Protein backbone atom coordinates (compact mmCIF):
# COMPACT_ATOMS: atom_id res chain seq x y z
CA MET A 1 -33.80 5.92 -32.46
CA LYS A 2 -36.91 4.26 -31.03
CA ASN A 3 -34.79 2.08 -28.74
CA THR A 4 -32.83 5.12 -27.57
CA ALA A 5 -36.02 7.07 -26.86
CA LEU A 6 -37.48 4.13 -24.98
CA ALA A 7 -34.30 3.76 -22.94
CA LEU A 8 -34.41 7.46 -22.02
CA VAL A 9 -38.02 7.10 -20.90
CA PHE A 10 -37.10 4.28 -18.53
CA VAL A 11 -33.96 6.02 -17.23
CA ALA A 12 -35.57 9.47 -16.84
CA PRO A 13 -37.27 8.82 -13.45
CA ALA A 14 -33.99 7.67 -11.89
CA LEU A 15 -32.11 10.63 -13.38
CA LEU A 16 -34.73 13.09 -12.15
CA PHE A 17 -34.57 11.54 -8.67
CA LEU A 18 -30.76 11.81 -8.59
CA LEU A 19 -30.97 15.39 -9.86
CA ALA A 20 -33.36 16.30 -7.07
CA VAL A 21 -31.47 14.48 -4.31
CA LEU A 22 -27.90 15.27 -5.37
CA GLY A 23 -28.04 18.08 -7.90
CA TRP A 24 -30.11 20.56 -5.89
CA PRO A 25 -27.93 20.43 -2.74
CA LEU A 26 -24.83 20.92 -4.89
CA VAL A 27 -26.38 23.96 -6.54
CA GLN A 28 -27.37 25.34 -3.14
CA ALA A 29 -23.85 24.83 -1.79
CA LEU A 30 -22.43 26.63 -4.80
CA VAL A 31 -24.82 29.55 -4.29
CA PHE A 32 -24.05 29.75 -0.55
CA SER A 33 -20.30 29.78 -1.26
CA PHE A 34 -20.67 33.18 -2.97
CA GLN A 35 -22.55 34.69 -0.02
CA ASP A 36 -21.75 35.61 3.58
CA ILE A 37 -24.31 33.46 5.43
CA GLY A 38 -23.38 32.66 9.00
CA ILE A 39 -26.23 30.93 10.82
CA ILE A 40 -28.35 28.45 8.88
CA GLY A 41 -31.59 30.08 7.75
CA SER A 42 -30.28 33.63 7.81
CA LYS A 43 -30.00 35.77 4.72
CA GLY A 44 -26.69 36.61 3.11
CA HIS A 45 -25.22 39.01 0.61
CA PHE A 46 -23.20 38.34 -2.50
CA VAL A 47 -19.46 38.54 -1.75
CA GLY A 48 -18.02 37.00 -4.91
CA PHE A 49 -14.91 34.88 -4.43
CA ALA A 50 -14.12 36.27 -0.97
CA ASN A 51 -14.90 32.96 0.73
CA TYR A 52 -12.69 31.04 -1.69
CA ALA A 53 -9.83 33.47 -1.14
CA GLU A 54 -10.21 33.15 2.63
CA VAL A 55 -10.39 29.35 2.61
CA LEU A 56 -7.56 28.81 0.15
CA GLY A 57 -5.42 31.46 1.83
CA GLY A 58 -5.85 29.97 5.31
CA LYS A 59 -4.13 27.02 6.94
CA HIS A 60 -7.15 25.09 8.19
CA PHE A 61 -8.23 23.87 4.76
CA TRP A 62 -4.78 22.70 3.70
CA PHE A 63 -4.04 21.02 7.04
CA ALA A 64 -7.38 19.21 6.87
CA PHE A 65 -6.70 18.26 3.25
CA GLY A 66 -3.31 16.83 4.24
CA ARG A 67 -4.91 14.79 7.01
CA SER A 68 -7.54 13.57 4.54
CA VAL A 69 -4.78 12.36 2.21
CA VAL A 70 -3.08 10.52 5.09
CA TRP A 71 -6.45 9.04 6.05
CA VAL A 72 -7.19 7.84 2.49
CA VAL A 73 -3.72 6.39 1.87
CA GLY A 74 -3.64 4.67 5.27
CA ASN A 75 -7.05 3.11 4.73
CA ALA A 76 -6.14 2.05 1.20
CA VAL A 77 -2.97 0.25 2.31
CA VAL A 78 -4.46 -1.48 5.36
CA GLN A 79 -7.72 -2.46 3.66
CA THR A 80 -5.93 -3.78 0.57
CA VAL A 81 -3.61 -5.98 2.63
CA LEU A 82 -6.42 -7.32 4.83
CA ALA A 83 -8.85 -7.76 1.95
CA LEU A 84 -6.37 -9.46 -0.37
CA GLY A 85 -5.28 -11.90 2.32
CA THR A 86 -8.89 -12.67 3.22
CA ALA A 87 -9.92 -13.08 -0.43
CA LEU A 88 -7.03 -15.47 -1.12
CA ILE A 89 -8.04 -17.58 1.89
CA LEU A 90 -11.73 -17.61 0.98
CA ASN A 91 -10.85 -18.57 -2.59
CA GLN A 92 -9.47 -21.90 -1.33
CA LYS A 93 -11.52 -25.03 -0.70
CA PHE A 94 -11.76 -26.04 2.97
CA PRO A 95 -14.48 -27.25 5.37
CA GLY A 96 -16.76 -24.44 6.54
CA LEU A 97 -16.01 -22.20 3.57
CA ARG A 98 -19.58 -20.95 3.29
CA VAL A 99 -19.72 -20.14 7.00
CA ALA A 100 -16.43 -18.23 6.73
CA ARG A 101 -17.69 -16.19 3.77
CA VAL A 102 -20.81 -15.20 5.70
CA TRP A 103 -18.90 -14.52 8.92
CA VAL A 104 -16.37 -12.19 7.31
CA ILE A 105 -19.04 -9.69 6.19
CA LEU A 106 -20.53 -9.30 9.68
CA THR A 107 -18.20 -6.40 10.52
CA TRP A 108 -19.52 -4.61 7.44
CA ILE A 109 -23.15 -5.19 8.41
CA VAL A 110 -22.81 -3.93 12.00
CA PRO A 111 -24.03 -0.29 12.34
CA THR A 112 -21.37 2.37 12.77
CA VAL A 113 -22.59 3.43 16.23
CA VAL A 114 -22.29 -0.16 17.46
CA VAL A 115 -18.77 -0.41 16.01
CA VAL A 116 -17.77 2.79 17.80
CA ILE A 117 -19.19 1.62 21.13
CA ILE A 118 -17.40 -1.73 20.84
CA TRP A 119 -14.02 -0.25 19.98
CA ARG A 120 -14.29 2.48 22.59
CA TRP A 121 -14.80 -0.20 25.21
CA LEU A 122 -12.02 -2.43 23.86
CA LEU A 123 -9.49 0.42 23.71
CA SER A 124 -10.45 2.06 27.00
CA THR A 125 -7.64 2.49 29.52
CA SER A 126 -10.04 1.56 32.32
CA GLY A 127 -11.91 -1.67 31.75
CA GLY A 128 -10.94 -2.28 28.14
CA MET A 129 -9.57 -5.62 26.91
CA ILE A 130 -6.80 -4.50 24.54
CA ASN A 131 -4.50 -2.92 27.11
CA PRO A 132 -4.59 -5.91 29.54
CA LEU A 133 -3.87 -8.32 26.66
CA LEU A 134 -0.92 -6.23 25.48
CA MET A 135 0.43 -5.97 29.03
CA GLU A 136 0.12 -9.71 29.64
CA SER A 137 1.89 -10.38 26.36
CA GLY A 138 4.77 -8.14 27.44
CA ILE A 139 4.33 -5.75 24.53
CA ILE A 140 3.63 -2.77 26.83
CA ASP A 141 4.26 -2.22 30.53
CA ARG A 142 1.44 0.25 31.21
CA PRO A 143 -1.93 1.15 29.66
CA VAL A 144 -1.77 3.08 26.40
CA GLY A 145 -4.14 5.89 25.50
CA PHE A 146 -4.82 5.07 21.86
CA PHE A 147 -6.52 8.43 21.30
CA ALA A 148 -4.24 10.45 23.57
CA THR A 149 -1.62 11.54 21.03
CA ARG A 150 -1.94 12.97 17.55
CA ARG A 151 -0.19 10.12 15.76
CA SER A 152 -1.77 7.25 17.69
CA ALA A 153 -5.26 8.72 17.27
CA MET A 154 -5.00 8.79 13.47
CA VAL A 155 -3.42 5.33 13.29
CA THR A 156 -6.10 3.87 15.59
CA LEU A 157 -8.91 5.41 13.55
CA ILE A 158 -7.43 4.06 10.31
CA LEU A 159 -7.23 0.56 11.78
CA ILE A 160 -10.81 0.71 13.08
CA ASN A 161 -12.23 2.01 9.82
CA SER A 162 -10.22 -0.56 7.85
CA TRP A 163 -11.50 -3.33 10.11
CA ARG A 164 -15.03 -2.19 9.35
CA TRP A 165 -14.72 -1.86 5.57
CA PHE A 166 -12.18 -4.47 4.46
CA PRO A 167 -14.85 -7.24 4.18
CA PHE A 168 -16.54 -5.30 1.36
CA THR A 169 -13.23 -5.00 -0.46
CA ALA A 170 -12.49 -8.67 0.21
CA LEU A 171 -15.77 -9.72 -1.39
CA MET A 172 -15.02 -7.65 -4.48
CA MET A 173 -11.54 -9.15 -4.72
CA LEU A 174 -12.98 -12.61 -4.24
CA ALA A 175 -15.31 -11.99 -7.16
CA GLY A 176 -12.26 -11.01 -9.23
CA LEU A 177 -10.37 -14.12 -8.16
CA THR A 178 -13.22 -16.42 -9.15
CA ARG A 179 -13.07 -15.02 -12.71
CA ILE A 180 -9.46 -16.15 -13.15
CA PRO A 181 -9.47 -19.45 -15.10
CA GLY A 182 -8.31 -22.40 -13.02
CA ASP A 183 -6.53 -23.85 -16.06
CA LEU A 184 -3.87 -21.17 -15.75
CA TYR A 185 -2.99 -22.28 -12.22
CA GLU A 186 -2.99 -25.95 -13.28
CA ALA A 187 -0.67 -25.23 -16.19
CA ALA A 188 1.62 -23.24 -13.89
CA ARG A 189 1.78 -26.14 -11.42
CA ILE A 190 2.69 -28.53 -14.20
CA ASP A 191 5.49 -26.18 -15.27
CA GLY A 192 6.81 -26.24 -11.71
CA ALA A 193 5.72 -22.74 -10.61
CA GLY A 194 5.41 -22.33 -6.86
CA ALA A 195 2.73 -20.45 -4.96
CA ARG A 196 4.69 -17.19 -4.99
CA ARG A 197 5.35 -17.36 -8.72
CA ARG A 198 1.70 -18.21 -9.46
CA PHE A 199 0.63 -15.19 -7.44
CA THR A 200 3.02 -12.73 -9.11
CA ARG A 201 2.53 -14.02 -12.66
CA ILE A 202 -1.16 -14.94 -12.67
CA THR A 203 -3.17 -13.70 -9.68
CA TRP A 204 -1.74 -10.20 -9.34
CA PRO A 205 -1.79 -9.18 -13.06
CA LEU A 206 -5.29 -10.54 -13.67
CA LEU A 207 -6.61 -8.98 -10.46
CA GLN A 208 -5.31 -5.48 -11.30
CA PRO A 209 -8.50 -4.27 -13.10
CA THR A 210 -10.52 -5.13 -10.00
CA LEU A 211 -7.95 -3.43 -7.75
CA ILE A 212 -8.01 -0.27 -9.86
CA VAL A 213 -11.80 0.00 -9.68
CA LEU A 214 -11.72 -0.67 -5.94
CA GLY A 215 -9.00 1.95 -5.56
CA ILE A 216 -11.14 4.61 -7.22
CA ILE A 217 -14.31 3.73 -5.31
CA GLY A 218 -12.44 3.23 -2.04
CA THR A 219 -10.71 6.60 -2.32
CA LEU A 220 -13.98 8.43 -2.88
CA LEU A 221 -15.70 6.60 -0.01
CA SER A 222 -12.80 6.94 2.44
CA PHE A 223 -12.35 10.63 1.70
CA ASN A 224 -15.96 11.30 2.70
CA VAL A 225 -15.99 9.25 5.90
CA PHE A 226 -17.36 11.36 8.73
CA ASP A 227 -19.28 9.19 11.19
CA VAL A 228 -16.43 7.03 12.53
CA ILE A 229 -14.08 9.99 12.99
CA TRP A 230 -16.67 12.23 14.59
CA LEU A 231 -18.05 9.60 16.95
CA MET A 232 -14.59 8.44 18.01
CA THR A 233 -12.55 11.63 18.35
CA ALA A 234 -14.64 14.55 16.99
CA GLY A 235 -11.51 15.61 15.10
CA GLY A 236 -9.22 15.56 18.14
CA PRO A 237 -6.88 15.53 19.85
CA SER A 238 -5.71 19.00 18.83
CA GLU A 239 -7.34 18.64 15.39
CA ALA A 240 -5.14 15.60 14.65
CA THR A 241 -8.01 13.71 13.03
CA GLU A 242 -9.86 16.69 11.58
CA THR A 243 -10.32 15.70 7.94
CA LEU A 244 -12.21 17.80 5.40
CA PRO A 245 -15.68 16.34 6.17
CA VAL A 246 -15.13 17.03 9.88
CA LEU A 247 -13.90 20.55 9.10
CA ILE A 248 -17.02 21.21 7.01
CA TYR A 249 -19.28 20.08 9.85
CA GLU A 250 -17.47 22.11 12.51
CA THR A 251 -17.37 25.21 10.33
CA ALA A 252 -21.10 25.06 9.57
CA PHE A 253 -22.62 23.83 12.84
CA LYS A 254 -20.08 24.84 15.50
CA GLY A 255 -18.44 27.89 13.96
CA TYR A 256 -21.71 29.18 12.43
CA ARG A 257 -20.05 30.00 9.12
CA LEU A 258 -22.33 28.30 6.62
CA SER A 259 -20.96 30.03 3.52
CA GLU A 260 -17.40 29.11 4.41
CA ALA A 261 -18.46 25.49 4.99
CA ALA A 262 -20.21 25.50 1.60
CA THR A 263 -17.02 26.81 0.02
CA ILE A 264 -15.00 23.97 1.52
CA SER A 265 -17.66 21.52 0.28
CA VAL A 266 -17.44 22.87 -3.26
CA LEU A 267 -13.63 22.69 -3.24
CA THR A 268 -13.77 19.14 -1.88
CA SER A 269 -16.22 18.15 -4.61
CA ILE A 270 -13.95 19.62 -7.27
CA ILE A 271 -10.97 17.69 -5.89
CA LEU A 272 -12.87 14.40 -5.80
CA MET A 273 -14.39 14.89 -9.26
CA GLY A 274 -10.96 15.73 -10.64
CA PHE A 275 -9.51 12.58 -9.09
CA ALA A 276 -12.38 10.46 -10.42
CA VAL A 277 -11.99 11.80 -13.97
CA PHE A 278 -8.20 11.39 -13.93
CA ALA A 279 -8.35 7.88 -12.47
CA THR A 280 -11.07 6.78 -14.89
CA ARG A 281 -9.14 8.04 -17.91
CA ALA A 282 -5.95 6.41 -16.65
CA MET A 283 -7.80 3.11 -16.18
CA THR A 284 -9.31 3.35 -19.67
CA ALA A 285 -5.92 4.11 -21.20
CA SER A 286 -4.26 1.18 -19.42
CA GLU A 287 -7.02 -1.18 -20.59
CA ALA A 288 -6.64 0.07 -24.17
CA ASN A 289 -2.87 -0.55 -24.10
CA ARG A 290 -3.28 -4.20 -23.07
């Protein structure tokens, strides 16, 4: 009991800080969602579940939710492929390994605004480098507007965001790979197992716990990405890249409907918390069955 009390004393400051920083805004958003506040700072009146009925009964929320799902799945697939390939390479022994491990995280360190400026210049139809390279390679015959169409805008944003964040995932996978005993690979080589068989029978099964944790964290982080989308396309063209975080911002600060934005925020939080609880229980159950 004394150890528990002492532990609570040490943890209490951090918990109080989190409660003040995270808990209070959540409570405020919940309170605003039951009112009819338009402009920030104005007073509202209690309207019950009217905002929830309006948001859930409209198309904007569901369309934005669908785009958020596409965004999360696209980022998960691209980042997993890039990160796994990078982690497998960095797990080998070759000259300059330390330099390569440091170099690969530079894209993660670069500020988001700098990343946006760089990619805007590279993908520009006038003066950018990507279009001339593609034309010289014979892949395209004229400049392509990567943000001109609905489909290409979403795909381009997914690739840019994946390029920015896959180093973090690669480092986590690399940490998982280093925990796999080397004796297993040596025994597999002696038994005549090739690289493909060693990957499917040793690397992939033993790396799954790390991948599951990364999947949960990556989903929560990707779902809430706002800066890259807003700075690149501001939700365009024709709302093609308007995910839920972008919709919340536009509703609150451009549409001057604060209570409606708070309602969308609360619904988004419920969705993410539900996913986190479900994924955590599924992970715990799978670990228990092993």
